[in-house]
């Protein structure tokens, strides 16, 4: 019963890869306490961003047409 587009947008924005500490409050706390440095976050964030882009491209190409969205 939920609309697909808003739920998909919330899901995408909530699980997106983060490149910088200011993009999330949890990241800012971890960075402030010295759990990781900016280089670590940039490496992991870049990897997650690439993985997310590949998954999102696959979903758009394969699944959205089945829902009538593309």
N, C-alpha and C. Protein backbone atom coordinates (compact mmCIF):
# COMPACT_ATOMS: atom_id res chain seq x y z
N UNK A 1 0.78 -1.19 0.00
CA UNK A 1 0.00 0.00 0.00
C UNK A 1 0.84 1.27 0.00
N UNK A 2 2.16 1.17 0.02
CA UNK A 2 2.99 2.37 0.02
C UNK A 2 3.32 2.78 -1.41
N UNK A 3 3.43 4.09 -1.66
CA UNK A 3 3.87 4.53 -2.99
C UNK A 3 5.33 4.17 -3.22
N UNK A 4 5.63 3.64 -4.39
CA UNK A 4 6.95 3.08 -4.66
C UNK A 4 8.03 4.16 -4.79
N UNK A 5 7.74 5.24 -5.47
CA UNK A 5 8.78 6.24 -5.75
C UNK A 5 9.32 6.88 -4.46
N UNK A 6 8.47 7.39 -3.54
CA UNK A 6 9.03 7.97 -2.32
C UNK A 6 9.79 6.96 -1.46
N UNK A 7 9.29 5.74 -1.37
CA UNK A 7 9.99 4.71 -0.60
C UNK A 7 11.35 4.41 -1.23
N UNK A 8 11.40 4.33 -2.55
CA UNK A 8 12.67 4.10 -3.24
C UNK A 8 13.66 5.23 -3.04
N UNK A 9 13.17 6.47 -3.02
CA UNK A 9 14.06 7.60 -2.80
C UNK A 9 14.61 7.60 -1.38
N UNK A 10 13.77 7.32 -0.39
CA UNK A 10 14.24 7.26 1.00
C UNK A 10 15.26 6.14 1.16
N UNK A 11 14.99 5.00 0.56
CA UNK A 11 15.89 3.86 0.64
C UNK A 11 17.25 4.21 0.01
N UNK A 12 17.23 4.84 -1.16
CA UNK A 12 18.47 5.20 -1.85
C UNK A 12 19.27 6.23 -1.08
N UNK A 13 18.61 7.27 -0.58
CA UNK A 13 19.32 8.31 0.16
C UNK A 13 19.83 7.80 1.50
N UNK A 14 19.09 6.92 2.14
CA UNK A 14 19.50 6.41 3.45
C UNK A 14 20.66 5.44 3.39
N UNK A 15 20.79 4.71 2.30
CA UNK A 15 21.85 3.70 2.21
C UNK A 15 23.00 4.14 1.32
N UNK A 16 23.03 5.38 0.93
CA UNK A 16 24.05 5.86 -0.01
C UNK A 16 25.44 5.85 0.62
N UNK A 17 26.43 5.61 -0.20
CA UNK A 17 27.81 5.68 0.26
C UNK A 17 28.19 7.11 0.63
N UNK A 18 28.89 7.26 1.69
CA UNK A 18 29.30 8.58 2.18
C UNK A 18 30.78 8.78 1.94
N UNK A 19 31.16 9.92 1.38
CA UNK A 19 32.55 10.22 1.11
C UNK A 19 33.19 11.11 2.16
N UNK A 20 32.38 11.91 2.84
CA UNK A 20 32.90 12.88 3.79
C UNK A 20 32.22 12.72 5.14
N UNK A 21 32.91 13.07 6.21
CA UNK A 21 32.40 12.87 7.57
C UNK A 21 31.15 13.70 7.85
N UNK A 22 31.02 14.86 7.24
CA UNK A 22 29.87 15.71 7.53
C UNK A 22 28.58 15.22 6.89
N UNK A 23 28.61 14.13 6.14
CA UNK A 23 27.42 13.62 5.49
C UNK A 23 26.55 12.78 6.42
N UNK A 24 26.98 12.53 7.61
CA UNK A 24 26.18 11.78 8.55
C UNK A 24 26.64 12.02 9.97
N UNK A 25 25.69 12.12 10.87
CA UNK A 25 26.05 12.41 12.26
C UNK A 25 26.85 11.27 12.89
N UNK A 26 26.55 10.04 12.54
CA UNK A 26 27.30 8.91 13.07
C UNK A 26 28.76 8.98 12.62
N UNK A 27 28.96 9.37 11.37
CA UNK A 27 30.33 9.50 10.87
C UNK A 27 31.07 10.62 11.59
N UNK A 28 30.39 11.70 11.89
CA UNK A 28 31.04 12.81 12.58
C UNK A 28 31.47 12.39 13.99
N UNK A 29 30.65 11.62 14.67
CA UNK A 29 31.00 11.17 16.02
C UNK A 29 32.19 10.22 15.96
N UNK A 30 32.16 9.27 15.04
CA UNK A 30 33.28 8.34 14.89
C UNK A 30 34.57 9.04 14.53
N UNK A 31 34.48 10.03 13.65
CA UNK A 31 35.66 10.80 13.26
C UNK A 31 36.19 11.63 14.43
N UNK A 32 35.28 12.22 15.20
CA UNK A 32 35.69 13.06 16.33
C UNK A 32 36.41 12.24 17.40
N UNK A 33 35.99 10.99 17.62
CA UNK A 33 36.63 10.14 18.62
C UNK A 33 37.86 9.43 18.08
N UNK A 34 38.20 9.65 16.82
CA UNK A 34 39.42 9.08 16.26
C UNK A 34 39.31 7.62 15.85
N UNK A 35 38.11 7.13 15.63
CA UNK A 35 37.95 5.73 15.21
C UNK A 35 38.47 5.49 13.80
N UNK A 36 38.49 6.52 12.99
CA UNK A 36 39.01 6.45 11.63
C UNK A 36 39.45 7.85 11.22
N UNK A 37 40.22 7.92 10.15
CA UNK A 37 40.60 9.24 9.65
C UNK A 37 39.93 9.49 8.30
N UNK A 38 40.15 10.67 7.76
CA UNK A 38 39.46 11.07 6.53
C UNK A 38 39.84 10.17 5.35
N UNK A 39 41.08 9.72 5.30
CA UNK A 39 41.50 8.85 4.20
C UNK A 39 40.76 7.51 4.22
N UNK A 40 40.56 6.94 5.42
CA UNK A 40 39.81 5.69 5.54
C UNK A 40 38.38 5.86 5.05
N UNK A 41 37.76 6.93 5.48
CA UNK A 41 36.38 7.19 5.09
C UNK A 41 36.27 7.41 3.59
N UNK A 42 37.21 8.10 3.01
CA UNK A 42 37.18 8.35 1.57
C UNK A 42 37.34 7.05 0.77
N UNK A 43 38.23 6.17 1.22
CA UNK A 43 38.43 4.90 0.51
C UNK A 43 37.18 4.03 0.58
N UNK A 44 36.66 3.84 1.76
CA UNK A 44 35.48 2.99 1.93
C UNK A 44 34.26 3.64 1.27
N UNK A 45 34.13 4.95 1.42
CA UNK A 45 33.00 5.66 0.81
C UNK A 45 33.02 5.58 -0.70
N UNK A 46 34.21 5.70 -1.29
CA UNK A 46 34.31 5.60 -2.75
C UNK A 46 33.92 4.20 -3.23
N UNK A 47 34.38 3.19 -2.53
CA UNK A 47 34.01 1.82 -2.89
C UNK A 47 32.50 1.61 -2.77
N UNK A 48 31.92 2.04 -1.66
CA UNK A 48 30.47 1.88 -1.49
C UNK A 48 29.67 2.68 -2.51
N UNK A 49 30.17 3.84 -2.89
CA UNK A 49 29.49 4.64 -3.90
C UNK A 49 29.50 3.94 -5.25
N UNK A 50 30.61 3.32 -5.62
CA UNK A 50 30.68 2.58 -6.87
C UNK A 50 29.76 1.36 -6.85
N UNK A 51 29.75 0.64 -5.74
CA UNK A 51 28.87 -0.53 -5.61
C UNK A 51 27.41 -0.09 -5.69
N UNK A 52 27.08 0.99 -5.01
CA UNK A 52 25.71 1.50 -5.04
C UNK A 52 25.32 1.92 -6.45
N UNK A 53 26.20 2.57 -7.17
CA UNK A 53 25.90 3.00 -8.53
C UNK A 53 25.64 1.81 -9.44
N UNK A 54 26.43 0.75 -9.30
CA UNK A 54 26.23 -0.45 -10.12
C UNK A 54 24.90 -1.13 -9.80
N UNK A 55 24.58 -1.25 -8.52
CA UNK A 55 23.31 -1.88 -8.13
C UNK A 55 22.13 -1.04 -8.58
N UNK A 56 22.22 0.27 -8.42
CA UNK A 56 21.14 1.14 -8.83
C UNK A 56 20.94 1.11 -10.34
N UNK A 57 22.02 1.06 -11.12
CA UNK A 57 21.91 0.96 -12.57
C UNK A 57 21.23 -0.34 -12.98
N UNK A 58 21.57 -1.43 -12.29
CA UNK A 58 20.93 -2.72 -12.58
C UNK A 58 19.45 -2.69 -12.24
N UNK A 59 19.11 -2.08 -11.12
CA UNK A 59 17.70 -2.01 -10.72
C UNK A 59 16.91 -1.18 -11.71
N UNK A 60 17.47 -0.06 -12.13
CA UNK A 60 16.77 0.81 -13.08
C UNK A 60 16.57 0.08 -14.40
N UNK A 61 17.59 -0.61 -14.87
CA UNK A 61 17.51 -1.26 -16.17
C UNK A 61 16.61 -2.50 -16.16
N UNK A 62 16.60 -3.23 -15.06
CA UNK A 62 15.89 -4.51 -15.05
C UNK A 62 14.55 -4.49 -14.33
N UNK A 63 14.49 -3.82 -13.19
CA UNK A 63 13.30 -3.94 -12.34
C UNK A 63 12.28 -2.84 -12.57
N UNK A 64 12.72 -1.62 -12.82
CA UNK A 64 11.78 -0.53 -12.99
C UNK A 64 10.82 -0.73 -14.17
N UNK A 65 11.28 -1.27 -15.31
CA UNK A 65 10.32 -1.50 -16.38
C UNK A 65 9.20 -2.47 -15.99
N UNK A 66 9.50 -3.42 -15.11
CA UNK A 66 8.47 -4.35 -14.66
C UNK A 66 7.40 -3.65 -13.83
N UNK A 67 7.80 -2.57 -13.14
CA UNK A 67 6.86 -1.80 -12.33
C UNK A 67 6.15 -0.71 -13.12
N UNK A 68 6.56 -0.51 -14.37
CA UNK A 68 5.98 0.54 -15.19
C UNK A 68 6.52 1.91 -14.88
N UNK A 69 7.72 1.99 -14.30
CA UNK A 69 8.30 3.27 -13.92
C UNK A 69 9.25 3.83 -14.97
N UNK A 70 9.69 3.01 -15.90
CA UNK A 70 10.64 3.52 -16.91
C UNK A 70 10.14 3.23 -18.29
